[in-house]
């Protein structure tokens, strides 16, 4: 067992030293334990009491008092059970714990993994709707989460740069892509969460997450516009020149600077 693993599992420095020393030599008294663990005598009994309260150390109440540890395997099982119970309680009480607040803030994310992790979390939490616009590589990385969303009957609308397909999703080609695999991401879930930004360069890309209703509305309207345009092109597929002319006029009015 690596010593730093115990710290990650909530052991203090003294608790870690005492437990590891007991694994090597037990049963043992407090005086001897202080010597072999390097924990000051003034702190060793306090540390033992804390470990006993957590069920990590067993005590023989005799003279002299002796101590022994539970095995690492038993400790791992106990910590796993405690963790799963704590997570279950948190999930059950999440709404009750969170105070109602005004979600006007915009939170910044940096780095591709942070951006995609937030996107996955939003998708996994979505109950009703997911509107997503992005490039092929981003969509591919999010596909497993998107599949699960479709399986639980969340409505999924995707505006894609490049090739993307997913059974049960409504997929539309992006009208204004500069390249086949754009790295931007626009994601709105359940009409209340929005993620806007880029996913490249890997370490320095930035995105913003918010629950501000105004920002959510603007992002949703962008997706709606792209879908509306593609539906019109399907209905009037013989009139492609009209759409090309409109695109040229729009470029004059609002040039794309990328």
C-alpha atoms as a PDB file:
ATOM      1  CA  UNK A   1       0.000   0.000   0.000  1.00  0.00           C
ATOM      2  CA  UNK A   2       1.423   3.354  -0.974  1.00  0.00           C
ATOM      3  CA  UNK A   3       1.539   5.734   1.946  1.00  0.00           C
ATOM      4  CA  UNK A   4       0.024   8.623   0.011  1.00  0.00           C
ATOM      5  CA  UNK A   5      -3.025   6.445  -0.769  1.00  0.00           C
ATOM      6  CA  UNK A   6      -4.000   6.575   2.898  1.00  0.00           C
ATOM      7  CA  UNK A   7      -3.851  10.363   2.874  1.00  0.00           C
ATOM      8  CA  UNK A   8      -6.183  10.405  -0.139  1.00  0.00           C
ATOM      9  CA  UNK A   9      -8.521   8.160   1.846  1.00  0.00           C
ATOM     10  CA  UNK A  10      -8.751  10.706   4.651  1.00  0.00           C
ATOM     11  CA  UNK A  11      -5.947   9.640   7.007  1.00  0.00           C
ATOM     12  CA  UNK A  12      -3.958  12.361   8.723  1.00  0.00           C
ATOM     13  CA  UNK A  13      -0.160  12.113   8.799  1.00  0.00           C
ATOM     14  CA  UNK A  14      -0.169  10.664  12.344  1.00  0.00           C
ATOM     15  CA  UNK A  15      -3.047   8.262  11.568  1.00  0.00           C
ATOM     16  CA  UNK A  16      -1.183   7.011   8.521  1.00  0.00           C
ATOM     17  CA  UNK A  17       2.028   6.412  10.514  1.00  0.00           C
ATOM     18  CA  UNK A  18       0.223   4.610  13.341  1.00  0.00           C
ATOM     19  CA  UNK A  19      -1.749   2.327  11.005  1.00  0.00           C
ATOM     20  CA  UNK A  20       1.284   1.363   8.927  1.00  0.00           C
ATOM     21  CA  UNK A  21       3.339   0.706  12.059  1.00  0.00           C
ATOM     22  CA  UNK A  22       0.604  -1.528  13.457  1.00  0.00           C
ATOM     23  CA  UNK A  23       0.501  -3.514  10.221  1.00  0.00           C
ATOM     24  CA  UNK A  24       4.186  -4.311  10.682  1.00  0.00           C
ATOM     25  CA  UNK A  25       4.038  -5.059  14.419  1.00  0.00           C
ATOM     26  CA  UNK A  26       0.967  -6.044  16.468  1.00  0.00           C
ATOM     27  CA  UNK A  27      -0.453  -6.381  19.014  1.00  0.00           C
ATOM     28  CA  UNK A  28       1.498  -3.582  20.589  1.00  0.00           C
ATOM     29  CA  UNK A  29       1.167  -1.033  23.389  1.00  0.00           C
ATOM     30  CA  UNK A  30       0.964   2.698  22.954  1.00  0.00           C
ATOM     31  CA  UNK A  31       4.431   3.427  24.320  1.00  0.00           C
ATOM     32  CA  UNK A  32       6.111   1.014  21.907  1.00  0.00           C
ATOM     33  CA  UNK A  33       3.894   2.177  19.065  1.00  0.00           C
ATOM     34  CA  UNK A  34       5.040   5.765  19.532  1.00  0.00           C
ATOM     35  CA  UNK A  35       8.630   4.597  19.220  1.00  0.00           C
ATOM     36  CA  UNK A  36       8.201   2.499  16.049  1.00  0.00           C
ATOM     37  CA  UNK A  37       5.806   4.897  14.290  1.00  0.00           C
ATOM     38  CA  UNK A  38       7.647   8.131  15.021  1.00  0.00           C
ATOM     39  CA  UNK A  39       4.461   9.721  16.357  1.00  0.00           C
ATOM     40  CA  UNK A  40       5.077  11.749  19.562  1.00  0.00           C
ATOM     41  CA  UNK A  41       3.880  10.021  22.729  1.00  0.00           C
ATOM     42  CA  UNK A  42       1.757  13.066  23.490  1.00  0.00           C
ATOM     43  CA  UNK A  43      -0.201  12.450  20.260  1.00  0.00           C
ATOM     44  CA  UNK A  44      -0.151   8.683  19.798  1.00  0.00           C
ATOM     45  CA  UNK A  45      -3.038   7.899  22.201  1.00  0.00           C
ATOM     46  CA  UNK A  46      -5.193  10.654  20.727  1.00  0.00           C
ATOM     47  CA  UNK A  47      -4.497   9.231  17.255  1.00  0.00           C
ATOM     48  CA  UNK A  48      -5.335   5.702  18.419  1.00  0.00           C
ATOM     49  CA  UNK A  49      -8.655   6.904  19.842  1.00  0.00           C
ATOM     50  CA  UNK A  50      -9.594   8.447  16.480  1.00  0.00           C
ATOM     51  CA  UNK A  51      -8.666   5.267  14.604  1.00  0.00           C
ATOM     52  CA  UNK A  52     -10.580   3.150  17.115  1.00  0.00           C
ATOM     53  CA  UNK A  53     -13.671   5.355  16.660  1.00  0.00           C
ATOM     54  CA  UNK A  54     -13.438   4.759  12.896  1.00  0.00           C
ATOM     55  CA  UNK A  55     -13.080   1.014  13.400  1.00  0.00           C
ATOM     56  CA  UNK A  56      -9.583   0.959  11.916  1.00  0.00           C
ATOM     57  CA  UNK A  57      -7.861  -0.115  15.150  1.00  0.00           C
ATOM     58  CA  UNK A  58      -8.975  -2.804  17.616  1.00  0.00           C
ATOM     59  CA  UNK A  59      -8.233  -2.399  21.316  1.00  0.00           C
ATOM     60  CA  UNK A  60      -7.650  -5.052  23.950  1.00  0.00           C
ATOM     61  CA  UNK A  61      -8.795  -3.449  27.205  1.00  0.00           C
ATOM     62  CA  UNK A  62      -6.394  -5.201  29.563  1.00  0.00           C
ATOM     63  CA  UNK A  63      -3.198  -4.276  31.312  1.00  0.00           C
ATOM     64  CA  UNK A  64      -1.226  -3.228  29.434  1.00  0.00           C
ATOM     65  CA  UNK A  65      -3.633  -1.996  26.746  1.00  0.00           C
ATOM     66  CA  UNK A  66      -2.745  -3.479  23.360  1.00  0.00           C
ATOM     67  CA  UNK A  67      -3.663  -2.391  19.842  1.00  0.00           C
ATOM     68  CA  UNK A  68      -3.948  -4.150  16.499  1.00  0.00           C
ATOM     69  CA  UNK A  69      -5.161  -2.957  13.052  1.00  0.00           C
ATOM     70  CA  UNK A  70      -7.823  -4.355  10.778  1.00  0.00           C
ATOM     71  CA  UNK A  71      -6.357  -5.760   7.560  1.00  0.00           C
ATOM     72  CA  UNK A  72      -5.865  -3.537   4.499  1.00  0.00           C
ATOM     73  CA  UNK A  73      -8.460  -5.629   2.646  1.00  0.00           C
ATOM     74  CA  UNK A  74     -11.046  -5.094   5.385  1.00  0.00           C
ATOM     75  CA  UNK A  75     -10.173  -1.408   5.523  1.00  0.00           C
ATOM     76  CA  UNK A  76     -10.644  -1.084   1.752  1.00  0.00           C
ATOM     77  CA  UNK A  77     -14.056  -2.777   1.911  1.00  0.00           C
ATOM     78  CA  UNK A  78     -15.184  -0.588   4.802  1.00  0.00           C
ATOM     79  CA  UNK A  79     -14.075   2.609   3.088  1.00  0.00           C
ATOM     80  CA  UNK A  80     -15.753   1.534  -0.144  1.00  0.00           C
ATOM     81  CA  UNK A  81     -19.049   0.885   1.625  1.00  0.00           C
ATOM     82  CA  UNK A  82     -18.848   4.184   3.499  1.00  0.00           C
ATOM     83  CA  UNK A  83     -18.096   6.041   0.275  1.00  0.00           C
ATOM     84  CA  UNK A  84     -20.978   4.436  -1.617  1.00  0.00           C
ATOM     85  CA  UNK A  85     -23.392   5.234   1.221  1.00  0.00           C
ATOM     86  CA  UNK A  86     -22.201   8.840   1.348  1.00  0.00           C
ATOM     87  CA  UNK A  87     -22.538   9.270  -2.430  1.00  0.00           C
ATOM     88  CA  UNK A  88     -26.007   7.706  -2.348  1.00  0.00           C
ATOM     89  CA  UNK A  89     -27.097  10.072   0.415  1.00  0.00           C
ATOM     90  CA  UNK A  90     -25.709  13.053  -1.497  1.00  0.00           C
ATOM     91  CA  UNK A  91     -27.578  12.063  -4.665  1.00  0.00           C
ATOM     92  CA  UNK A  92     -30.845  11.576  -2.774  1.00  0.00           C
ATOM     93  CA  UNK A  93     -30.568  14.910  -0.983  1.00  0.00           C
ATOM     94  CA  UNK A  94     -28.938  17.003  -3.723  1.00  0.00           C
ATOM     95  CA  UNK A  95     -31.974  19.197  -4.409  1.00  0.00           C
ATOM     96  CA  UNK A  96     -32.768  19.733  -0.737  1.00  0.00           C
ATOM     97  CA  UNK A  97     -29.174  20.709   0.051  1.00  0.00           C
ATOM     98  CA  UNK A  98     -28.845  23.296  -2.697  1.00  0.00           C
ATOM     99  CA  UNK A  99     -30.245  26.678  -1.835  1.00  0.00           C
ATOM    100  CA  UNK A 100     -32.180  28.512  -4.514  1.00  0.00           C
ATOM    101  CA  UNK A 101     -30.032  31.221  -6.063  1.00  0.00           C
ATOM    102  CA  UNK A 102     -29.820  33.519  -9.022  1.00  0.00           C
ATOM    103  CA  UNK A 103     -27.749  31.760 -11.671  1.00  0.00           C
ATOM    104  CA  UNK A 104     -26.395  34.887 -13.282  1.00  0.00           C
ATOM    105  CA  UNK A 105     -22.708  34.020 -13.027  1.00  0.00           C
ATOM    106  CA  UNK A 106     -20.529  32.828 -15.884  1.00  0.00           C
ATOM    107  CA  UNK A 107     -17.953  30.231 -14.896  1.00  0.00           C
ATOM    108  CA  UNK A 108     -14.725  29.780 -16.825  1.00  0.00           C
ATOM    109  CA  UNK A 109     -13.219  26.412 -17.776  1.00  0.00           C
ATOM    110  CA  UNK A 110      -9.702  25.925 -19.136  1.00  0.00           C
ATOM    111  CA  UNK A 111      -8.265  22.912 -20.964  1.00  0.00           C
ATOM    112  CA  UNK A 112      -9.922  20.361 -23.239  1.00  0.00           C
ATOM    113  CA  UNK A 113     -10.470  17.766 -20.518  1.00  0.00           C
ATOM    114  CA  UNK A 114     -12.176  20.277 -18.232  1.00  0.00           C
ATOM    115  CA  UNK A 115     -14.461  21.438 -21.055  1.00  0.00           C
ATOM    116  CA  UNK A 116     -15.385  17.911 -22.175  1.00  0.00           C
ATOM    117  CA  UNK A 117     -15.843  16.771 -18.580  1.00  0.00           C
ATOM    118  CA  UNK A 118     -18.379  19.563 -18.016  1.00  0.00           C
ATOM    119  CA  UNK A 119     -20.104  18.629 -21.297  1.00  0.00           C
ATOM    120  CA  UNK A 120     -20.379  14.969 -20.252  1.00  0.00           C
ATOM    121  CA  UNK A 121     -21.736  15.952 -16.851  1.00  0.00           C
ATOM    122  CA  UNK A 122     -24.395  18.158 -18.445  1.00  0.00           C
ATOM    123  CA  UNK A 123     -25.403  15.433 -20.904  1.00  0.00           C
ATOM    124  CA  UNK A 124     -25.547  12.723 -18.232  1.00  0.00           C
ATOM    125  CA  UNK A 125     -27.737  14.956 -16.046  1.00  0.00           C
ATOM    126  CA  UNK A 126     -30.104  16.030 -18.824  1.00  0.00           C
ATOM    127  CA  UNK A 127     -33.651  14.746 -18.390  1.00  0.00           C
ATOM    128  CA  UNK A 128     -35.574  16.338 -21.260  1.00  0.00           C
ATOM    129  CA  UNK A 129     -33.478  17.947 -23.998  1.00  0.00           C
ATOM    130  CA  UNK A 130     -29.940  18.290 -25.331  1.00  0.00           C
ATOM    131  CA  UNK A 131     -29.036  20.757 -28.099  1.00  0.00           C
ATOM    132  CA  UNK A 132     -25.449  20.438 -29.286  1.00  0.00           C
ATOM    133  CA  UNK A 133     -23.352  22.008 -32.035  1.00  0.00           C
ATOM    134  CA  UNK A 134     -19.737  20.937 -32.562  1.00  0.00           C
ATOM    135  CA  UNK A 135     -17.204  19.206 -34.789  1.00  0.00           C
ATOM    136  CA  UNK A 136     -16.674  15.538 -35.504  1.00  0.00           C
ATOM    137  CA  UNK A 137     -13.904  14.838 -32.966  1.00  0.00           C
ATOM    138  CA  UNK A 138     -15.808  16.459 -30.092  1.00  0.00           C
ATOM    139  CA  UNK A 139     -19.024  14.652 -30.992  1.00  0.00           C
ATOM    140  CA  UNK A 140     -17.133  11.376 -31.176  1.00  0.00           C
ATOM    141  CA  UNK A 141     -15.737  11.870 -27.653  1.00  0.00           C
ATOM    142  CA  UNK A 142     -19.195  12.653 -26.303  1.00  0.00           C
ATOM    143  CA  UNK A 143     -20.977   9.881 -28.193  1.00  0.00           C
ATOM    144  CA  UNK A 144     -21.194   7.390 -25.293  1.00  0.00           C
ATOM    145  CA  UNK A 145     -22.877   9.968 -23.076  1.00  0.00           C
ATOM    146  CA  UNK A 146     -25.166  10.994 -25.947  1.00  0.00           C
ATOM    147  CA  UNK A 147     -26.187   7.358 -26.514  1.00  0.00           C
ATOM    148  CA  UNK A 148     -27.197   7.023 -22.876  1.00  0.00           C
ATOM    149  CA  UNK A 149     -29.208  10.228 -23.107  1.00  0.00           C
ATOM    150  CA  UNK A 150     -31.121   8.926 -26.136  1.00  0.00           C
ATOM    151  CA  UNK A 151     -31.718   5.629 -24.316  1.00  0.00           C
ATOM    152  CA  UNK A 152     -33.451   7.468 -21.465  1.00  0.00           C
ATOM    153  CA  UNK A 153     -35.607   9.363 -24.010  1.00  0.00           C
ATOM    154  CA  UNK A 154     -33.973  12.773 -23.796  1.00  0.00           C
ATOM    155  CA  UNK A 155     -34.542  14.736 -27.029  1.00  0.00           C
ATOM    156  CA  UNK A 156     -31.181  15.129 -28.789  1.00  0.00           C
ATOM    157  CA  UNK A 157     -30.622  17.681 -31.557  1.00  0.00           C
ATOM    158  CA  UNK A 158     -27.117  17.870 -33.036  1.00  0.00           C
ATOM    159  CA  UNK A 159     -25.718  20.431 -35.471  1.00  0.00           C
ATOM    160  CA  UNK A 160     -22.559  18.762 -36.766  1.00  0.00           C
ATOM    161  CA  UNK A 161     -19.440  19.851 -38.595  1.00  0.00           C
ATOM    162  CA  UNK A 162     -18.182  16.762 -40.350  1.00  0.00           C
ATOM    163  CA  UNK A 163     -19.636  13.275 -40.245  1.00  0.00           C
ATOM    164  CA  UNK A 164     -21.782  12.217 -37.297  1.00  0.00           C
ATOM    165  CA  UNK A 165     -24.718   9.873 -36.844  1.00  0.00           C
ATOM    166  CA  UNK A 166     -26.526   8.448 -33.860  1.00  0.00           C
ATOM    167  CA  UNK A 167     -29.731   6.439 -33.875  1.00  0.00           C
ATOM    168  CA  UNK A 168     -32.505   8.334 -32.145  1.00  0.00           C
ATOM    169  CA  UNK A 169     -30.829  11.728 -32.556  1.00  0.00           C
ATOM    170  CA  UNK A 170     -31.850  14.536 -34.905  1.00  0.00           C
ATOM    171  CA  UNK A 171     -28.634  15.440 -36.746  1.00  0.00           C
ATOM    172  CA  UNK A 172     -28.230  18.434 -39.070  1.00  0.00           C
ATOM    173  CA  UNK A 173     -25.158  19.637 -40.988  1.00  0.00           C
ATOM    174  CA  UNK A 174     -23.660  22.910 -39.797  1.00  0.00           C
ATOM    175  CA  UNK A 175     -24.181  25.717 -42.303  1.00  0.00           C
ATOM    176  CA  UNK A 176     -21.130  27.869 -41.549  1.00  0.00           C
ATOM    177  CA  UNK A 177     -18.273  25.481 -40.789  1.00  0.00           C
ATOM    178  CA  UNK A 178     -14.797  26.641 -41.774  1.00  0.00           C
ATOM    179  CA  UNK A 179     -13.508  23.084 -41.789  1.00  0.00           C
ATOM    180  CA  UNK A 180     -14.858  19.562 -41.496  1.00  0.00           C
ATOM    181  CA  UNK A 181     -13.857  19.146 -37.879  1.00  0.00           C
ATOM    182  CA  UNK A 182     -14.407  22.359 -35.955  1.00  0.00           C
ATOM    183  CA  UNK A 183     -13.367  22.346 -32.303  1.00  0.00           C
ATOM    184  CA  UNK A 184     -15.989  24.760 -30.917  1.00  0.00           C
ATOM    185  CA  UNK A 185     -18.792  23.512 -28.670  1.00  0.00           C
ATOM    186  CA  UNK A 186     -22.255  24.911 -27.985  1.00  0.00           C
ATOM    187  CA  UNK A 187     -24.304  22.779 -25.604  1.00  0.00           C
ATOM    188  CA  UNK A 188     -27.648  23.491 -23.936  1.00  0.00           C
ATOM    189  CA  UNK A 189     -29.362  20.972 -21.652  1.00  0.00           C
ATOM    190  CA  UNK A 190     -32.931  21.054 -20.341  1.00  0.00           C
ATOM    191  CA  UNK A 191     -33.181  24.728 -21.303  1.00  0.00           C
ATOM    192  CA  UNK A 192     -31.206  25.824 -18.230  1.00  0.00           C
ATOM    193  CA  UNK A 193     -27.485  24.974 -18.630  1.00  0.00           C
ATOM    194  CA  UNK A 194     -25.246  26.279 -21.402  1.00  0.00           C
ATOM    195  CA  UNK A 195     -21.628  25.569 -22.327  1.00  0.00           C
ATOM    196  CA  UNK A 196     -19.910  27.783 -24.915  1.00  0.00           C
ATOM    197  CA  UNK A 197     -16.303  27.742 -26.054  1.00  0.00           C
ATOM    198  CA  UNK A 198     -13.546  25.816 -27.745  1.00  0.00           C
ATOM    199  CA  UNK A 199     -11.827  22.481 -27.153  1.00  0.00           C
ATOM    200  CA  UNK A 200      -8.426  23.238 -28.685  1.00  0.00           C
ATOM    201  CA  UNK A 201      -5.552  23.844 -28.025  1.00  0.00           C
ATOM    202  CA  UNK A 202      -5.641  20.981 -25.531  1.00  0.00           C
ATOM    203  CA  UNK A 203      -4.125  22.789 -22.541  1.00  0.00           C
ATOM    204  CA  UNK A 204      -5.121  26.404 -23.115  1.00  0.00           C
ATOM    205  CA  UNK A 205      -8.585  26.338 -24.704  1.00  0.00           C
ATOM    206  CA  UNK A 206     -11.355  28.094 -22.818  1.00  0.00           C
ATOM    207  CA  UNK A 207     -15.091  27.713 -22.423  1.00  0.00           C
ATOM    208  CA  UNK A 208     -17.814  29.264 -20.286  1.00  0.00           C
ATOM    209  CA  UNK A 209     -20.596  27.523 -18.397  1.00  0.00           C
ATOM    210  CA  UNK A 210     -23.656  29.351 -17.131  1.00  0.00           C
ATOM    211  CA  UNK A 211     -27.277  29.035 -16.084  1.00  0.00           C
ATOM    212  CA  UNK A 212     -28.029  32.642 -16.961  1.00  0.00           C
ATOM    213  CA  UNK A 213     -31.422  32.531 -18.752  1.00  0.00           C
ATOM    214  CA  UNK A 214     -30.396  35.211 -21.260  1.00  0.00           C
ATOM    215  CA  UNK A 215     -27.270  33.334 -22.349  1.00  0.00           C
ATOM    216  CA  UNK A 216     -29.199  30.062 -22.521  1.00  0.00           C
ATOM    217  CA  UNK A 217     -31.798  31.723 -24.747  1.00  0.00           C
ATOM    218  CA  UNK A 218     -29.223  33.155 -27.168  1.00  0.00           C
ATOM    219  CA  UNK A 219     -27.412  29.799 -27.476  1.00  0.00           C
ATOM    220  CA  UNK A 220     -30.695  27.936 -27.968  1.00  0.00           C
ATOM    221  CA  UNK A 221     -31.762  30.428 -30.619  1.00  0.00           C
ATOM    222  CA  UNK A 222     -28.502  29.835 -32.488  1.00  0.00           C
ATOM    223  CA  UNK A 223     -29.203  26.081 -32.624  1.00  0.00           C
ATOM    224  CA  UNK A 224     -32.794  26.795 -33.628  1.00  0.00           C
ATOM    225  CA  UNK A 225     -31.587  29.023 -36.479  1.00  0.00           C
ATOM    226  CA  UNK A 226     -29.233  26.354 -37.863  1.00  0.00           C
ATOM    227  CA  UNK A 227     -31.925  23.667 -37.694  1.00  0.00           C
ATOM    228  CA  UNK A 228     -34.524  25.973 -39.252  1.00  0.00           C
ATOM    229  CA  UNK A 229     -32.206  26.735 -42.151  1.00  0.00           C
ATOM    230  CA  UNK A 230     -31.537  23.051 -42.835  1.00  0.00           C
ATOM    231  CA  UNK A 231     -35.229  22.191 -42.689  1.00  0.00           C
ATOM    232  CA  UNK A 232     -35.967  24.943 -45.223  1.00  0.00           C
ATOM    233  CA  UNK A 233     -33.259  23.597 -47.537  1.00  0.00           C
ATOM    234  CA  UNK A 234     -34.828  20.143 -47.332  1.00  0.00           C
ATOM    235  CA  UNK A 235     -38.254  21.529 -48.199  1.00  0.00           C
ATOM    236  CA  UNK A 236     -36.914  23.626 -51.072  1.00  0.00           C
ATOM    237  CA  UNK A 237     -34.101  21.377 -52.226  1.00  0.00           C
ATOM    238  CA  UNK A 238     -34.598  22.470 -55.848  1.00  0.00           C
ATOM    239  CA  UNK A 239     -33.956  26.119 -54.933  1.00  0.00           C
ATOM    240  CA  UNK A 240     -30.370  25.822 -53.663  1.00  0.00           C
ATOM    241  CA  UNK A 241     -29.286  29.024 -55.473  1.00  0.00           C
ATOM    242  CA  UNK A 242     -31.640  31.080 -53.290  1.00  0.00           C
ATOM    243  CA  UNK A 243     -29.900  29.838 -50.156  1.00  0.00           C
ATOM    244  CA  UNK A 244     -26.463  30.479 -51.639  1.00  0.00           C
ATOM    245  CA  UNK A 245     -27.450  34.059 -52.486  1.00  0.00           C
ATOM    246  CA  UNK A 246     -28.841  34.553 -48.976  1.00  0.00           C
ATOM    247  CA  UNK A 247     -25.614  33.205 -47.507  1.00  0.00           C
ATOM    248  CA  UNK A 248     -23.549  35.647 -49.574  1.00  0.00           C
ATOM    249  CA  UNK A 249     -25.731  38.593 -48.539  1.00  0.00           C
ATOM    250  CA  UNK A 250     -25.484  37.585 -44.870  1.00  0.00           C
ATOM    251  CA  UNK A 251     -21.693  37.410 -45.167  1.00  0.00           C
ATOM    252  CA  UNK A 252     -21.713  41.025 -46.375  1.00  0.00           C
ATOM    253  CA  UNK A 253     -23.876  42.117 -43.452  1.00  0.00           C
ATOM    254  CA  UNK A 254     -22.252  40.001 -40.705  1.00  0.00           C
ATOM    255  CA  UNK A 255     -18.843  38.695 -41.821  1.00  0.00           C
ATOM    256  CA  UNK A 256     -17.445  35.576 -40.140  1.00  0.00           C
ATOM    257  CA  UNK A 257     -14.040  36.303 -38.619  1.00  0.00           C
ATOM    258  CA  UNK A 258     -12.331  32.982 -37.915  1.00  0.00           C
END
